[in-house]
Structures are given as structure tokens and as C-alpha cells.
């Protein structure tokens, strides 16, 4: 599946560039596409280099948690749920802790912390995978949930809006929370359907209801705050949570009388090796995405969709947010750039900028997650991971536009 998409990006990009050069006289498109390959390949390498330090730190910290026994505590709490949705993952697997930590970081909008934990989780799940070149059910479920990524506190988006002078930067908080929560739930249901997971099991339903209540509580709390308080509390909560994890892991390691420093160094060495492994996969994916963008295909799609919505008699006020929506599954930095462009062109508090912000926070960069997570464990056959993830993306982005109209 990934091979088909990767090849298709190049073929579609070439055909679009050929049309422009022959029929529209835009021969410069070939230069743009060539430069895009070089620049995106360099970007992919730089991302991996920048990610190396973060990977070393967080995987080192997870090694401390593993040796101190924190992983067992998390496993005991989550095992009743994971026994039913990931039956192939044993009770004492450290993958459970990595999965939870990854999800917690995503919920807090801490992308830099989430990626290393997600890679570690995928590697630990790979150890349990009997077919090393094919994604297991547990890996697919984890990837799909990760690619939709529930975001409780979209710190980065709130900060961009504040820096660009928004009167109410945190006004996007509730629509993002609702869109991303529903898209994650849809992604889970799709995978559950394919893998025949019984979501009506009492235990599974209990966890789902508990998570729903938690989301509802967070929503009510932030609705009770003033706009300035929402922004401040969001940033403070995220920063506190990340350091709280660091402190607890180290303190518990000291309490258990392990050599915390040596355990950390051992894990950090693994992090360095992981960073090196993902370079070729990320280069391949970002180069293909760059071709698609430089060829003008994305611009054509936006224009045609706008015309289609106009013919259908729909309000086209959200069309300027479509570049963010189209780029989001392909590239996080690209989608972020599209969001900022909408803020600059239409005003940070305009509806297009508001809709683009909600879209940006509604889901994750699916192809990036696929390339990094599956690339880290050298999985080529991803089975139903991509269709389920893209379906969840579509639902999340559609709901983002819908909630933008409701809350603007």
C-alpha cells in the first residue's frame, strides 16, 4: 500500500509538471520540482538530526522507567483494556508504558516528546510480532490511534495565534478537542471492525466511557476560564506534565535503588541507533510529498474543490483552510506553514485562519507517522493501517470545518 502511494506521488507530480510545461509554458516547474527533491531530502535529514537528541533523552528516560518497574505499574492499570484490544501484547510488556506515554504526550500537544515514545512502543511491539516485515494488529491499532492523536491542549497552535496578535487565541481549544477526540474514536472503531475487536465488551466500554468523561471534564474546566486563563493554563499544564514525568521516573528509579544514570545512558544509546534507522524512510516520504506540492497538484485540488463546493451551493468560507487540510496528512511542517499563511493573508482572527487552526489540531501527519514508526522497525506490509488512518483523518478534518462554523 505504501509503495503504491509513494510511486503515485511521483507519477502524478510528473504528469502535472509535464502538462504545465507543454500546454501552459511553465518550464520553470521542472526546476522547482528538482529543488524540492533536494530541499526536502535535506529537511528529512535535518529532522532526524534534530530528533536524535530528543530520542536519546526520552528513550533513555523510558529505560529508567523500565528498569525501575514503572512499566509494570502502567501495565497493571491498562492490562484489562489492552487484553481485549491488543490480545497479543502480554501483561508485562514494556510496550504498554511506551504507548501510554506517547498518547499522553500527544494529548498535551508535545510532538517532540510523543515521537520518541511512539518509536519505542513500535519497536517493543515489533519484538512480539511473529512476521517481521508485516504490521501486526497491535501495531496497526497503535499507529491509527497515534495518527489521529487526541489533542487535549494544542499548545503550539495557541502560541502561534497569540504571537500573531489574536484577540482570543484559545477560542480554537474546544473545537479542536471535539474534532480530534471524535476522529480518534472513529479510527479506533474502524480498526476494531477490521480486526473484529468487541467494543461492546463491558471492560472496553468502561474505559471508553471513562475517557469520554475525562474529555468532558477537561472541556468544562476550560470553558469556565477566561480566554487569557485558557492560554496560560494550557501552556503551564503541558510544561508541568512533561517535567512531572521526568521527575517521577528519576525519583522512582532512585527509590528502587537502580543506577539511574547508567540506565539512562543505555537507553540513550538505543535512541541514537533509532534516529539513524529512520533517515532513509523519512527522506523517501518527504521527497515524494515535495514533488506533489512543487508540481502544483495540491493547488489544483484546492481550486477544483472550491468550485465543486460552490456548485453544490455550500458556503465556501472554509476553502482557504483547505491547503492546511490537504497538507496535514502529508507534512506537519507543511500544514503549519499553510495555517500561518492563512493567518497572514486573512487575519489571525478571520474565519479562514480560525478554520485552518482547528484543522491543524484535528489530526496528525499520517504519512509522516507511517514513514517514521513503520520505518523504525523496517515494516513494508502495513495492511489496513493506511486506509483506516486516512478515513479517520477525513472524519477529523470534516468535523474540524463543521465545528469551526459552530464555534466561530
Protein backbone atom coordinates (compact mmCIF):
# COMPACT_ATOMS: atom_id res chain seq x y z
CA UNK A 1 0.00 0.00 0.00
CA UNK A 2 2.74 2.46 0.96
CA UNK A 3 4.65 1.52 -2.20
CA UNK A 4 1.59 2.34 -4.34
CA UNK A 5 1.12 5.77 -2.76
CA UNK A 6 4.82 6.60 -2.96
CA UNK A 7 5.06 5.75 -6.65
CA UNK A 8 1.74 7.53 -7.34
CA UNK A 9 3.07 10.77 -5.86
CA UNK A 10 5.91 10.80 -8.39
CA UNK A 11 3.74 9.79 -11.35
CA UNK A 12 1.03 12.36 -10.61
CA UNK A 13 3.65 15.03 -9.96
CA UNK A 14 5.42 14.28 -13.26
CA UNK A 15 2.18 14.34 -15.28
CA UNK A 16 1.12 17.64 -13.69
CA UNK A 17 4.51 19.21 -14.39
CA UNK A 18 4.50 17.88 -17.97
CA UNK A 19 1.09 19.45 -18.59
CA UNK A 20 2.24 22.79 -17.20
CA UNK A 21 5.45 22.87 -19.22
CA UNK A 22 3.92 21.76 -22.55
CA UNK A 23 0.48 23.38 -22.51
CA UNK A 24 0.96 26.32 -20.13
CA UNK A 25 4.55 27.19 -20.95
CA UNK A 26 5.69 26.92 -17.32
CA UNK A 27 9.04 25.22 -17.87
CA UNK A 28 10.32 26.51 -14.53
CA UNK A 29 8.21 23.81 -12.84
CA UNK A 30 10.97 21.26 -13.52
CA UNK A 31 13.45 23.42 -11.63
CA UNK A 32 11.02 23.77 -8.71
CA UNK A 33 10.45 20.02 -8.55
CA UNK A 34 14.18 19.26 -8.67
CA UNK A 35 14.89 21.82 -5.96
CA UNK A 36 12.03 20.35 -3.93
CA UNK A 37 13.62 16.89 -4.00
CA UNK A 38 16.94 18.28 -2.78
CA UNK A 39 15.47 20.60 -0.15
CA UNK A 40 13.01 18.03 1.22
CA UNK A 41 15.70 15.36 1.39
CA UNK A 42 17.85 17.79 3.34
CA UNK A 43 14.86 18.66 5.55
CA UNK A 44 14.25 14.97 6.28
CA UNK A 45 17.89 14.51 7.28
CA UNK A 46 17.80 17.64 9.46
CA UNK A 47 14.61 16.44 11.15
CA UNK A 48 16.34 13.17 12.04
CA UNK A 49 19.43 15.01 13.29
CA UNK A 50 17.29 17.33 15.44
CA UNK A 51 15.28 14.34 16.60
CA UNK A 52 18.40 12.46 17.70
CA UNK A 53 18.89 14.38 20.93
CA UNK A 54 15.21 14.16 21.82
CA UNK A 55 15.17 10.44 21.04
CA UNK A 56 18.24 9.87 23.19
CA UNK A 57 16.70 11.74 26.11
CA UNK A 58 13.24 10.18 26.09
CA UNK A 59 14.28 6.63 25.28
CA UNK A 60 16.93 6.96 28.00
CA UNK A 61 14.19 8.04 30.38
CA UNK A 62 11.97 5.14 29.31
CA UNK A 63 14.86 2.76 30.02
CA UNK A 64 14.97 4.15 33.58
CA UNK A 65 11.22 3.55 33.86
CA UNK A 66 11.64 0.02 32.53
CA UNK A 67 14.43 -0.93 34.96
CA UNK A 68 12.70 0.70 37.95
CA UNK A 69 9.43 -1.17 37.37
CA UNK A 70 7.19 1.76 36.42
CA UNK A 71 6.31 -0.15 33.27
CA UNK A 72 4.76 -2.87 35.39
CA UNK A 73 2.60 -0.33 37.23
CA UNK A 74 1.25 1.04 33.95
CA UNK A 75 0.76 -2.47 32.61
CA UNK A 76 -1.36 -3.49 35.57
CA UNK A 77 -3.61 -0.46 35.17
CA UNK A 78 -4.11 -0.88 31.44
CA UNK A 79 -3.98 -4.63 31.05
CA UNK A 80 -7.77 -5.18 31.37
CA UNK A 81 -8.25 -2.92 28.32
CA UNK A 82 -5.23 -4.00 26.27
CA UNK A 83 -6.01 -7.67 26.91
CA UNK A 84 -9.13 -7.15 24.83
CA UNK A 85 -7.98 -4.71 22.14
CA UNK A 86 -4.37 -5.95 21.82
CA UNK A 87 -4.61 -9.60 22.92
CA UNK A 88 -1.15 -10.46 21.52
CA UNK A 89 0.57 -8.00 23.92
CA UNK A 90 1.44 -9.77 27.21
CA UNK A 91 0.68 -8.31 30.61
CA UNK A 92 4.30 -7.49 31.47
CA UNK A 93 5.25 -5.92 28.12
CA UNK A 94 7.01 -2.53 28.42
CA UNK A 95 5.24 -1.56 25.19
CA UNK A 96 2.16 -0.71 27.25
CA UNK A 97 4.01 2.04 29.10
CA UNK A 98 5.51 3.46 25.92
CA UNK A 99 2.06 3.52 24.29
CA UNK A 100 0.52 5.36 27.24
CA UNK A 101 3.37 7.87 27.44
CA UNK A 102 3.12 8.51 23.71
CA UNK A 103 -0.62 9.12 23.93
CA UNK A 104 -0.18 11.39 26.95
CA UNK A 105 2.40 13.50 25.10
CA UNK A 106 0.11 13.74 22.05
CA UNK A 107 -2.79 14.79 24.25
CA UNK A 108 -0.69 17.64 25.63
CA UNK A 109 0.42 18.70 22.15
CA UNK A 110 4.05 17.78 22.89
CA UNK A 111 5.05 16.42 19.47
CA UNK A 112 8.77 16.31 20.27
CA UNK A 113 8.15 14.10 23.29
CA UNK A 114 5.50 11.93 21.60
CA UNK A 115 7.61 10.76 18.65
CA UNK A 116 10.42 9.06 20.60
CA UNK A 117 7.91 7.29 22.83
CA UNK A 118 5.91 6.19 19.80
CA UNK A 119 9.01 4.80 18.08
CA UNK A 120 9.98 2.96 21.25
CA UNK A 121 6.48 1.50 21.52
CA UNK A 122 6.59 0.34 17.90
CA UNK A 123 9.99 -1.32 18.47
CA UNK A 124 8.69 -3.10 21.57
CA UNK A 125 5.59 -4.27 19.69
CA UNK A 126 7.87 -5.48 16.88
CA UNK A 127 9.60 -7.82 19.34
CA UNK A 128 6.21 -9.54 19.77
CA UNK A 129 5.48 -9.57 16.03
CA UNK A 130 5.90 -13.07 14.50
CA UNK A 131 6.06 -11.70 10.94
CA UNK A 132 8.76 -9.02 10.98
CA UNK A 133 8.01 -7.44 7.58
CA UNK A 134 4.23 -7.22 8.16
CA UNK A 135 2.46 -4.96 10.63
CA UNK A 136 0.74 -6.81 13.46
CA UNK A 137 -2.79 -6.00 14.63
CA UNK A 138 -1.43 -4.26 17.73
CA UNK A 139 0.97 -2.12 15.67
CA UNK A 140 -1.82 -1.10 13.30
CA UNK A 141 -4.18 -0.15 16.13
CA UNK A 142 -1.46 1.86 17.84
CA UNK A 143 -0.48 3.61 14.60
CA UNK A 144 -4.06 4.56 13.69
CA UNK A 145 -4.81 5.93 17.15
CA UNK A 146 -1.50 7.78 17.07
CA UNK A 147 -2.11 9.25 13.62
CA UNK A 148 -5.45 10.73 14.71
CA UNK A 149 -3.88 11.83 18.01
CA UNK A 150 -6.30 13.21 20.60
CA UNK A 151 -5.06 16.70 21.48
CA UNK A 152 -6.28 17.99 24.83
CA UNK A 153 -4.04 21.04 24.92
CA UNK A 154 -2.90 22.29 21.46
CA UNK A 155 -0.04 24.36 22.86
CA UNK A 156 1.73 25.09 19.57
CA UNK A 157 -1.41 26.34 17.81
CA UNK A 158 -2.39 28.53 20.76
CA UNK A 159 1.09 30.04 20.88
CA UNK A 160 1.10 30.84 17.14
CA UNK A 161 -2.26 32.54 17.45
CA UNK A 162 -1.10 34.54 20.45
CA UNK A 163 2.16 35.59 18.78
CA UNK A 164 0.26 36.81 15.71
CA UNK A 165 -1.97 39.05 17.82
CA UNK A 166 -5.21 37.10 18.16
CA UNK A 167 -7.74 38.74 20.44
CA UNK A 168 -8.77 35.31 21.74
CA UNK A 169 -6.02 32.74 20.94
CA UNK A 170 -7.68 29.92 22.89
CA UNK A 171 -11.02 30.18 21.07
CA UNK A 172 -9.96 27.17 18.96
CA UNK A 173 -9.46 24.98 22.03
CA UNK A 174 -12.92 23.39 22.28
CA UNK A 175 -13.48 22.75 18.53
CA UNK A 176 -10.02 21.13 18.29
CA UNK A 177 -10.73 18.97 21.33
CA UNK A 178 -14.06 17.78 19.93
CA UNK A 179 -12.77 17.14 16.38
CA UNK A 180 -9.65 15.25 17.43
CA UNK A 181 -11.48 13.17 20.06
CA UNK A 182 -14.14 12.02 17.61
CA UNK A 183 -11.63 11.31 14.83
CA UNK A 184 -9.56 9.15 17.19
CA UNK A 185 -12.67 7.26 18.29
CA UNK A 186 -13.65 6.71 14.63
CA UNK A 187 -10.15 5.43 13.86
CA UNK A 188 -10.39 3.01 16.76
CA UNK A 189 -13.81 1.76 15.61
CA UNK A 190 -12.58 1.21 12.05
CA UNK A 191 -9.63 -0.87 13.21
CA UNK A 192 -11.86 -2.69 15.70
CA UNK A 193 -14.23 -3.60 12.86
CA UNK A 194 -11.43 -4.95 10.64
CA UNK A 195 -9.75 -6.81 13.49
CA UNK A 196 -13.08 -7.99 14.96
CA UNK A 197 -12.49 -6.36 18.36
CA UNK A 198 -15.59 -6.50 20.57
CA UNK A 199 -16.11 -2.83 21.52
CA UNK A 200 -19.30 -3.72 23.40
CA UNK A 201 -17.35 -5.68 25.98
CA UNK A 202 -18.06 -4.32 29.48
CA UNK A 203 -14.39 -3.59 30.17
CA UNK A 204 -13.79 -1.84 26.84
CA UNK A 205 -16.97 0.21 27.24
CA UNK A 206 -15.93 1.20 30.76
CA UNK A 207 -12.61 2.58 29.54
CA UNK A 208 -14.32 4.38 26.65
CA UNK A 209 -16.87 5.96 28.98
CA UNK A 210 -14.12 6.89 31.42
CA UNK A 211 -12.13 8.57 28.65
CA UNK A 212 -15.27 10.37 27.45
CA UNK A 213 -15.92 11.64 30.97
CA UNK A 214 -12.31 12.80 31.21
CA UNK A 215 -12.59 14.72 27.92
CA UNK A 216 -15.88 16.21 29.09
CA UNK A 217 -14.32 17.31 32.37
CA UNK A 218 -11.39 18.97 30.58
CA UNK A 219 -13.83 20.72 28.23
CA UNK A 220 -15.98 22.05 31.08
CA UNK A 221 -12.94 23.23 33.02
CA UNK A 222 -11.51 25.24 30.13
CA UNK A 223 -14.92 26.64 29.22
CA UNK A 224 -15.12 28.06 32.74
CA UNK A 225 -11.87 30.04 32.25
CA UNK A 226 -11.35 33.41 30.64
CA UNK A 227 -9.58 33.43 27.23
CA UNK A 228 -6.31 34.62 28.80
CA UNK A 229 -6.53 31.95 31.50
CA UNK A 230 -7.11 29.23 28.90
CA UNK A 231 -3.93 30.15 27.05
CA UNK A 232 -1.84 30.39 30.23
CA UNK A 233 -3.24 27.22 31.80
CA UNK A 234 -2.78 25.29 28.53
CA UNK A 235 0.91 26.16 28.27
CA UNK A 236 1.54 25.70 32.00
CA UNK A 237 -0.23 22.32 32.09
CA UNK A 238 1.79 20.99 29.17
CA UNK A 239 5.13 22.13 30.57
CA UNK A 240 4.29 20.87 34.06
CA UNK A 241 3.20 17.48 32.74
CA UNK A 242 6.37 16.90 30.75
CA UNK A 243 8.66 17.76 33.66
CA UNK A 244 6.44 15.83 36.09
CA UNK A 245 7.03 12.68 34.03
CA UNK A 246 10.79 13.29 34.06
CA UNK A 247 10.85 13.84 37.83
CA UNK A 248 8.67 10.83 38.64
CA UNK A 249 10.74 8.45 36.50
CA UNK A 250 14.02 9.56 38.02
CA UNK A 251 12.67 9.72 41.59
CA UNK A 252 11.14 6.27 41.34
CA UNK A 253 14.39 4.91 39.93
CA UNK A 254 16.25 6.33 42.93
CA UNK A 255 13.60 4.87 45.25
CA UNK A 256 14.11 1.44 43.67
CA UNK A 257 17.88 1.84 44.11
CA UNK A 258 18.84 1.37 40.49
CA UNK A 259 21.74 3.18 38.81
CA UNK A 260 19.61 5.84 37.15
CA UNK A 261 22.45 7.41 35.19
CA UNK A 262 23.69 4.15 33.68
CA UNK A 263 20.15 3.10 32.79
CA UNK A 264 19.59 6.45 31.10
CA UNK A 265 22.82 6.17 29.08
CA UNK A 266 21.90 2.65 27.99
CA UNK A 267 18.56 3.86 26.67
CA UNK A 268 20.09 6.97 25.07
CA UNK A 269 22.40 4.76 23.01
CA UNK A 270 19.34 2.93 21.68
CA UNK A 271 17.78 6.29 20.81
CA UNK A 272 20.77 7.24 18.68
CA UNK A 273 20.55 3.99 16.72
CA UNK A 274 16.83 4.50 16.14
CA UNK A 275 17.37 8.02 14.78
CA UNK A 276 19.83 6.68 12.19
CA UNK A 277 17.45 3.91 11.08
CA UNK A 278 14.55 6.22 10.19
CA UNK A 279 16.55 8.59 7.93
CA UNK A 280 16.02 6.71 4.60
CA UNK A 281 12.30 6.22 5.24
CA UNK A 282 11.73 9.88 6.05
CA UNK A 283 13.81 11.04 3.06
CA UNK A 284 11.71 8.85 0.74
CA UNK A 285 8.40 10.14 2.05
CA UNK A 286 9.24 13.86 2.26
CA UNK A 287 10.82 13.85 -1.22
CA UNK A 288 7.62 12.36 -2.70
CA UNK A 289 5.44 14.88 -0.84
CA UNK A 290 7.66 17.71 -2.07
CA UNK A 291 7.15 16.56 -5.68
CA UNK A 292 3.39 16.62 -5.22
CA UNK A 293 3.50 20.13 -3.80
CA UNK A 294 6.01 21.65 -6.26
CA UNK A 295 4.14 20.25 -9.26
CA UNK A 296 1.09 22.32 -8.35
CA UNK A 297 -1.16 19.31 -7.78
CA UNK A 298 -2.20 20.50 -4.32
CA UNK A 299 -3.12 23.96 -5.64
CA UNK A 300 -5.20 22.41 -8.41
CA UNK A 301 -7.04 20.22 -5.91
CA UNK A 302 -7.89 23.23 -3.73
CA UNK A 303 -9.21 25.27 -6.68
CA UNK A 304 -11.31 22.39 -8.03
CA UNK A 305 -12.75 21.57 -4.62
CA UNK A 306 -13.69 25.22 -4.13
CA UNK A 307 -15.51 25.22 -7.47
CA UNK A 308 -17.27 21.97 -6.58
CA UNK A 309 -18.48 23.29 -3.22
CA UNK A 310 -19.69 26.47 -4.91
CA UNK A 311 -21.68 24.46 -7.47
CA UNK A 312 -23.22 22.47 -4.60
CA UNK A 313 -24.43 25.71 -3.07
CA UNK A 314 -22.28 25.34 0.04
CA UNK A 315 -20.64 28.15 1.97
CA UNK A 316 -17.08 28.36 0.64
CA UNK A 317 -15.70 30.42 3.52
CA UNK A 318 -13.62 27.46 4.64
CA UNK A 319 -11.91 26.92 1.26
CA UNK A 320 -8.82 29.00 2.20
CA UNK A 321 -8.28 26.46 5.02
CA UNK A 322 -8.19 23.54 2.55
CA UNK A 323 -4.41 23.81 1.89
CA UNK A 324 -3.89 23.11 5.60
CA UNK A 325 -6.35 20.20 5.43
CA UNK A 326 -4.66 18.67 2.37
CA UNK A 327 -1.14 19.09 3.74
CA UNK A 328 -1.95 17.81 7.24
CA UNK A 329 -1.81 14.05 6.48
CA UNK A 330 1.31 14.62 4.36
CA UNK A 331 3.52 17.01 6.30
CA UNK A 332 3.21 18.59 9.74
CA UNK A 333 5.55 21.47 8.90
CA UNK A 334 3.79 21.97 5.56
CA UNK A 335 0.37 22.11 7.22
CA UNK A 336 1.73 24.50 9.85
CA UNK A 337 3.05 26.75 7.08
CA UNK A 338 -0.35 26.71 5.37
CA UNK A 339 -2.04 27.64 8.67
CA UNK A 340 0.33 30.56 9.22
CA UNK A 341 -0.17 31.64 5.60
CA UNK A 342 -3.95 31.76 6.19
CA UNK A 343 -3.37 33.87 9.32
CA UNK A 344 -1.15 36.28 7.38
CA UNK A 345 -3.41 36.59 4.34
CA UNK A 346 -6.82 36.77 6.03
CA UNK A 347 -6.02 37.93 9.56
CA UNK A 348 -5.39 35.76 12.60
CA UNK A 349 -8.97 36.18 13.85
CA UNK A 350 -10.64 35.68 10.47
CA UNK A 351 -12.78 32.63 9.78
CA UNK A 352 -10.29 31.05 7.31
CA UNK A 353 -7.50 31.35 9.90
CA UNK A 354 -9.80 30.02 12.64
CA UNK A 355 -10.81 27.04 10.47
CA UNK A 356 -7.18 26.37 9.48
CA UNK A 357 -6.17 26.34 13.16
CA UNK A 358 -8.89 23.85 14.05
CA UNK A 359 -7.95 21.65 11.07
CA UNK A 360 -4.28 21.79 12.11
CA UNK A 361 -5.15 20.42 15.55
CA UNK A 362 -7.78 17.90 14.45
CA UNK A 363 -5.49 15.07 13.38
CA UNK A 364 -1.86 14.04 12.89
CA UNK A 365 0.51 13.73 9.92
CA UNK A 366 -0.42 10.21 8.82
CA UNK A 367 2.26 9.67 6.17
CA UNK A 368 4.97 11.04 8.46
CA UNK A 369 3.83 8.72 11.27
CA UNK A 370 3.76 5.78 8.84
CA UNK A 371 7.23 6.54 7.50
CA UNK A 372 8.83 7.08 10.90
CA UNK A 373 7.09 4.42 13.00
CA UNK A 374 6.99 1.58 10.49
CA UNK A 375 10.35 2.63 9.08
CA UNK A 376 11.94 2.34 12.52
CA UNK A 377 11.07 -1.37 12.59
CA UNK A 378 11.51 -1.99 8.83
CA UNK A 379 7.90 -2.96 8.16
CA UNK A 380 6.92 -2.86 4.48
CA UNK A 381 3.48 -4.51 4.55
CA UNK A 382 1.21 -2.17 6.51
CA UNK A 383 -2.08 -3.98 5.71
CA UNK A 384 -5.16 -1.92 6.69
CA UNK A 385 -3.22 0.74 8.63
CA UNK A 386 -3.26 3.42 5.92
CA UNK A 387 -6.96 3.16 4.85
CA UNK A 388 -8.14 3.29 8.47
CA UNK A 389 -5.82 6.20 9.31
CA UNK A 390 -6.83 8.21 6.24
CA UNK A 391 -10.52 7.58 6.96
CA UNK A 392 -10.01 8.91 10.50
CA UNK A 393 -8.15 11.92 9.03
CA UNK A 394 -11.05 12.64 6.68
CA UNK A 395 -13.58 12.48 9.52
CA UNK A 396 -11.39 14.65 11.76
CA UNK A 397 -10.85 17.33 9.10
CA UNK A 398 -14.53 17.35 8.09
CA UNK A 399 -15.56 17.74 11.74
CA UNK A 400 -12.94 20.46 12.19
CA UNK A 401 -14.60 22.53 9.47
CA UNK A 402 -18.05 21.79 10.90
CA UNK A 403 -17.06 22.80 14.45
CA UNK A 404 -15.28 25.89 13.10
CA UNK A 405 -18.62 27.09 11.73
CA UNK A 406 -20.35 26.34 15.03
CA UNK A 407 -17.80 27.97 17.35
CA UNK A 408 -16.64 30.93 15.24
